[in-house]
C-alpha atoms as a PDB file:
ATOM      1  CA  MET A   1     -37.475 107.988  52.899  1.00  0.00           C
ATOM      2  CA  THR A   2     -38.597 104.714  54.452  1.00  0.00           C
ATOM      3  CA  THR A   3     -38.873 104.272  58.202  1.00  0.00           C
ATOM      4  CA  THR A   4     -38.427 100.762  59.616  1.00  0.00           C
ATOM      5  CA  ILE A   5     -40.680  99.722  62.488  1.00  0.00           C
ATOM      6  CA  GLU A   6     -39.546  96.717  64.502  1.00  0.00           C
ATOM      7  CA  VAL A   7     -42.496  94.429  65.200  1.00  0.00           C
ATOM      8  CA  GLY A   8     -42.922  91.683  67.775  1.00  0.00           C
ATOM      9  CA  MET A   9     -45.826  89.251  67.673  1.00  0.00           C
ATOM     10  CA  LEU A  10     -47.356  87.177  70.430  1.00  0.00           C
ATOM     11  CA  GLY A  11     -48.924  84.012  69.030  1.00  0.00           C
ATOM     12  CA  LEU A  12     -48.588  82.178  65.731  1.00  0.00           C
ATOM     13  CA  GLY A  13     -51.777  80.194  65.373  1.00  0.00           C
ATOM     14  CA  THR A  14     -54.373  80.723  62.665  1.00  0.00           C
ATOM     15  CA  VAL A  15     -54.652  84.483  63.165  1.00  0.00           C
ATOM     16  CA  GLY A  16     -50.923  85.003  63.687  1.00  0.00           C
ATOM     17  CA  SER A  17     -50.110  82.982  60.569  1.00  0.00           C
ATOM     18  CA  GLY A  18     -52.568  85.138  58.619  1.00  0.00           C
ATOM     19  CA  VAL A  19     -50.910  88.294  59.916  1.00  0.00           C
ATOM     20  CA  VAL A  20     -47.476  87.044  58.850  1.00  0.00           C
ATOM     21  CA  GLU A  21     -48.777  86.139  55.391  1.00  0.00           C
ATOM     22  CA  ARG A  22     -50.493  89.520  55.019  1.00  0.00           C
ATOM     23  CA  LEU A  23     -47.455  91.476  56.185  1.00  0.00           C
ATOM     24  CA  THR A  24     -45.232  89.520  53.806  1.00  0.00           C
ATOM     25  CA  ARG A  25     -47.592  89.824  50.841  1.00  0.00           C
ATOM     26  CA  SER A  26     -48.270  93.533  51.426  1.00  0.00           C
ATOM     27  CA  ALA A  27     -44.755  94.651  52.393  1.00  0.00           C
ATOM     28  CA  ALA A  28     -44.011  96.497  49.149  1.00  0.00           C
ATOM     29  CA  GLU A  29     -47.421  98.209  49.084  1.00  0.00           C
ATOM     30  CA  ILE A  30     -47.132  99.290  52.727  1.00  0.00           C
ATOM     31  CA  GLU A  31     -43.679 100.694  52.067  1.00  0.00           C
ATOM     32  CA  GLN A  32     -44.787 102.561  48.938  1.00  0.00           C
ATOM     33  CA  THR A  33     -48.021 103.984  50.336  1.00  0.00           C
ATOM     34  CA  GLN A  34     -47.071 104.557  53.974  1.00  0.00           C
ATOM     35  CA  GLY A  35     -43.306 105.014  53.773  1.00  0.00           C
ATOM     36  CA  ILE A  36     -42.741 102.371  56.448  1.00  0.00           C
ATOM     37  CA  ARG A  37     -41.168  98.953  56.473  1.00  0.00           C
ATOM     38  CA  LEU A  38     -42.602  96.569  59.064  1.00  0.00           C
ATOM     39  CA  HIS A  39     -39.809  94.220  60.142  1.00  0.00           C
ATOM     40  CA  LEU A  40     -41.076  91.182  62.042  1.00  0.00           C
ATOM     41  CA  ALA A  41     -38.232  90.912  64.529  1.00  0.00           C
ATOM     42  CA  ALA A  42     -39.595  88.277  66.923  1.00  0.00           C
ATOM     43  CA  VAL A  43     -42.545  85.965  67.487  1.00  0.00           C
ATOM     44  CA  ALA A  44     -43.418  84.338  70.822  1.00  0.00           C
ATOM     45  CA  VAL A  45     -45.105  80.929  70.738  1.00  0.00           C
ATOM     46  CA  ASN A  46     -46.024  78.278  73.304  1.00  0.00           C
ATOM     47  CA  HIS A  47     -44.181  75.442  71.587  1.00  0.00           C
ATOM     48  CA  LEU A  48     -41.032  76.115  69.584  1.00  0.00           C
ATOM     49  CA  ASN A  49     -41.123  72.768  67.767  1.00  0.00           C
ATOM     50  CA  ALA A  50     -44.809  72.748  66.809  1.00  0.00           C
ATOM     51  CA  PRO A  51     -45.474  72.419  63.077  1.00  0.00           C
ATOM     52  CA  ARG A  52     -46.109  75.789  61.387  1.00  0.00           C
ATOM     53  CA  THR A  53     -48.222  76.519  58.333  1.00  0.00           C
ATOM     54  CA  VAL A  54     -46.430  79.779  57.598  1.00  0.00           C
ATOM     55  CA  GLN A  55     -42.833  80.606  56.716  1.00  0.00           C
ATOM     56  CA  LEU A  56     -41.423  83.381  58.906  1.00  0.00           C
ATOM     57  CA  PRO A  57     -39.432  86.107  57.158  1.00  0.00           C
ATOM     58  CA  ILE A  58     -35.674  85.624  57.184  1.00  0.00           C
ATOM     59  CA  GLY A  59     -34.207  87.023  60.395  1.00  0.00           C
ATOM     60  CA  THR A  60     -37.382  86.663  62.487  1.00  0.00           C
ATOM     61  CA  ARG A  61     -36.546  85.267  65.916  1.00  0.00           C
ATOM     62  CA  LEU A  62     -38.872  82.542  67.262  1.00  0.00           C
ATOM     63  CA  THR A  63     -39.023  82.343  71.057  1.00  0.00           C
ATOM     64  CA  ASP A  64     -41.155  80.726  73.748  1.00  0.00           C
ATOM     65  CA  SER A  65     -40.831  83.780  76.001  1.00  0.00           C
ATOM     66  CA  LEU A  66     -43.380  86.597  75.861  1.00  0.00           C
ATOM     67  CA  THR A  67     -40.973  88.679  77.923  1.00  0.00           C
ATOM     68  CA  ASN A  68     -38.257  88.341  75.259  1.00  0.00           C
ATOM     69  CA  VAL A  69     -40.611  90.010  72.787  1.00  0.00           C
ATOM     70  CA  VAL A  70     -42.385  92.535  75.015  1.00  0.00           C
ATOM     71  CA  CYS A  71     -39.204  93.715  76.750  1.00  0.00           C
ATOM     72  CA  ASP A  72     -37.011  93.868  73.635  1.00  0.00           C
ATOM     73  CA  ARG A  73     -35.983  97.532  73.476  1.00  0.00           C
ATOM     74  CA  LYS A  74     -35.734  97.434  69.683  1.00  0.00           C
ATOM     75  CA  ILE A  75     -39.370  96.371  69.222  1.00  0.00           C
ATOM     76  CA  GLN A  76     -41.693  99.346  68.758  1.00  0.00           C
ATOM     77  CA  LEU A  77     -44.957  97.576  67.908  1.00  0.00           C
ATOM     78  CA  VAL A  78     -46.416  94.466  69.535  1.00  0.00           C
ATOM     79  CA  ILE A  79     -49.109  92.461  67.755  1.00  0.00           C
ATOM     80  CA  GLU A  80     -51.048  90.263  70.176  1.00  0.00           C
ATOM     81  CA  VAL A  81     -52.897  87.317  68.615  1.00  0.00           C
ATOM     82  CA  MET A  82     -52.661  84.712  71.389  1.00  0.00           C
ATOM     83  CA  GLY A  83     -56.336  84.449  72.249  1.00  0.00           C
ATOM     84  CA  THR A  84     -55.956  84.244  76.035  1.00  0.00           C
ATOM     85  CA  VAL A  85     -57.178  86.923  78.446  1.00  0.00           C
ATOM     86  CA  ALA A  86     -55.028  87.068  81.592  1.00  0.00           C
ATOM     87  CA  ILE A  87     -51.686  86.347  79.926  1.00  0.00           C
ATOM     88  CA  ALA A  88     -52.442  88.609  76.968  1.00  0.00           C
ATOM     89  CA  LYS A  89     -53.511  91.429  79.272  1.00  0.00           C
ATOM     90  CA  LYS A  90     -50.297  91.138  81.275  1.00  0.00           C
ATOM     91  CA  ALA A  91     -48.219  91.215  78.072  1.00  0.00           C
ATOM     92  CA  ILE A  92     -50.118  94.193  76.636  1.00  0.00           C
ATOM     93  CA  VAL A  93     -49.836  96.126  79.899  1.00  0.00           C
ATOM     94  CA  ALA A  94     -46.081  95.456  79.940  1.00  0.00           C
ATOM     95  CA  ALA A  95     -45.751  96.596  76.313  1.00  0.00           C
ATOM     96  CA  LEU A  96     -47.745  99.780  76.903  1.00  0.00           C
ATOM     97  CA  ASN A  97     -45.768 100.548  80.064  1.00  0.00           C
ATOM     98  CA  GLN A  98     -42.621 100.386  77.925  1.00  0.00           C
ATOM     99  CA  GLY A  99     -44.051 102.847  75.417  1.00  0.00           C
ATOM    100  CA  LYS A 100     -44.779 100.323  72.664  1.00  0.00           C
ATOM    101  CA  ALA A 101     -47.743 100.548  70.320  1.00  0.00           C
ATOM    102  CA  VAL A 102     -50.038  97.502  70.476  1.00  0.00           C
ATOM    103  CA  VAL A 103     -52.373  95.855  67.981  1.00  0.00           C
ATOM    104  CA  THR A 104     -54.688  93.149  69.319  1.00  0.00           C
ATOM    105  CA  ALA A 105     -57.293  90.877  67.793  1.00  0.00           C
ATOM    106  CA  ASN A 106     -58.407  89.653  71.217  1.00  0.00           C
ATOM    107  CA  LYS A 107     -62.194  90.033  71.455  1.00  0.00           C
ATOM    108  CA  ASP A 108     -62.500  88.698  75.022  1.00  0.00           C
ATOM    109  CA  LEU A 109     -59.729  90.935  76.301  1.00  0.00           C
ATOM    110  CA  ILE A 110     -61.136  94.089  74.717  1.00  0.00           C
ATOM    111  CA  ALA A 111     -64.620  93.199  76.014  1.00  0.00           C
ATOM    112  CA  THR A 112     -63.368  92.748  79.579  1.00  0.00           C
ATOM    113  CA  ALA A 113     -60.456  95.200  79.837  1.00  0.00           C
ATOM    114  CA  GLY A 114     -60.716  97.491  76.814  1.00  0.00           C
ATOM    115  CA  PRO A 115     -61.360 100.752  78.702  1.00  0.00           C
ATOM    116  CA  GLU A 116     -58.568  99.993  81.177  1.00  0.00           C
ATOM    117  CA  LEU A 117     -56.079  99.253  78.385  1.00  0.00           C
ATOM    118  CA  ALA A 118     -57.168 102.318  76.400  1.00  0.00           C
ATOM    119  CA  ALA A 119     -56.666 104.503  79.478  1.00  0.00           C
ATOM    120  CA  LEU A 120     -53.197 103.039  80.045  1.00  0.00           C
ATOM    121  CA  ALA A 121     -52.277 103.588  76.395  1.00  0.00           C
ATOM    122  CA  LYS A 122     -53.409 107.206  76.628  1.00  0.00           C
ATOM    123  CA  LYS A 123     -51.495 107.729  79.882  1.00  0.00           C
ATOM    124  CA  GLN A 124     -48.322 106.261  78.329  1.00  0.00           C
ATOM    125  CA  GLY A 125     -48.762 108.154  75.047  1.00  0.00           C
ATOM    126  CA  CYS A 126     -49.033 104.893  73.097  1.00  0.00           C
ATOM    127  CA  ASP A 127     -51.323 103.630  70.371  1.00  0.00           C
ATOM    128  CA  LEU A 128     -53.679 100.723  71.084  1.00  0.00           C
ATOM    129  CA  PHE A 129     -55.369  99.383  67.963  1.00  0.00           C
ATOM    130  CA  TYR A 130     -58.117  96.814  68.402  1.00  0.00           C
ATOM    131  CA  GLU A 131     -60.149  97.062  65.211  1.00  0.00           C
ATOM    132  CA  ALA A 132     -59.221  93.445  64.417  1.00  0.00           C
ATOM    133  CA  SER A 133     -60.904  92.329  67.651  1.00  0.00           C
ATOM    134  CA  VAL A 134     -64.098  94.195  66.785  1.00  0.00           C
ATOM    135  CA  ALA A 135     -64.372  93.794  63.037  1.00  0.00           C
ATOM    136  CA  GLY A 136     -62.278  90.678  62.502  1.00  0.00           C
ATOM    137  CA  GLY A 137     -60.156  92.404  59.877  1.00  0.00           C
ATOM    138  CA  PHE A 138     -56.687  93.820  59.385  1.00  0.00           C
ATOM    139  CA  ARG A 139     -56.218  97.304  58.016  1.00  0.00           C
ATOM    140  CA  SER A 140     -53.387  99.777  58.154  1.00  0.00           C
ATOM    141  CA  CYS A 141     -54.090 102.619  60.556  1.00  0.00           C
ATOM    142  CA  GLY A 142     -52.695 106.082  60.011  1.00  0.00           C
ATOM    143  CA  HIS A 143     -52.413 109.035  62.326  1.00  0.00           C
END
């Protein structure tokens, strides 16, 4: 039986585009090996009309509001690839406070607020994955 996980992403630059491509290319393998389907429900960007190098999956909502992604009750996992510190931290804190798992590739944020975010995730019973910010890679994480 396959479980669908609703995913929201913050940012769609170089790293975000790579994440979308990887999720799209690896969807069948992830479903077969992990028994989960990652559905990219929404992506928040700064500029809705900016040219994009990646095609979003059919049904993915593009928005210019971080809140629309982070506060969407259907979204269970937030991927943060914006590259800012203060705004990203605020978004991650909001996601964790709503019980959402978070994946971040934000090196500066983890360097400056990693222990604080990890403590919040633990307090809220959420997962906080930051391997991509440390090792610069993307890998599926199991429990």
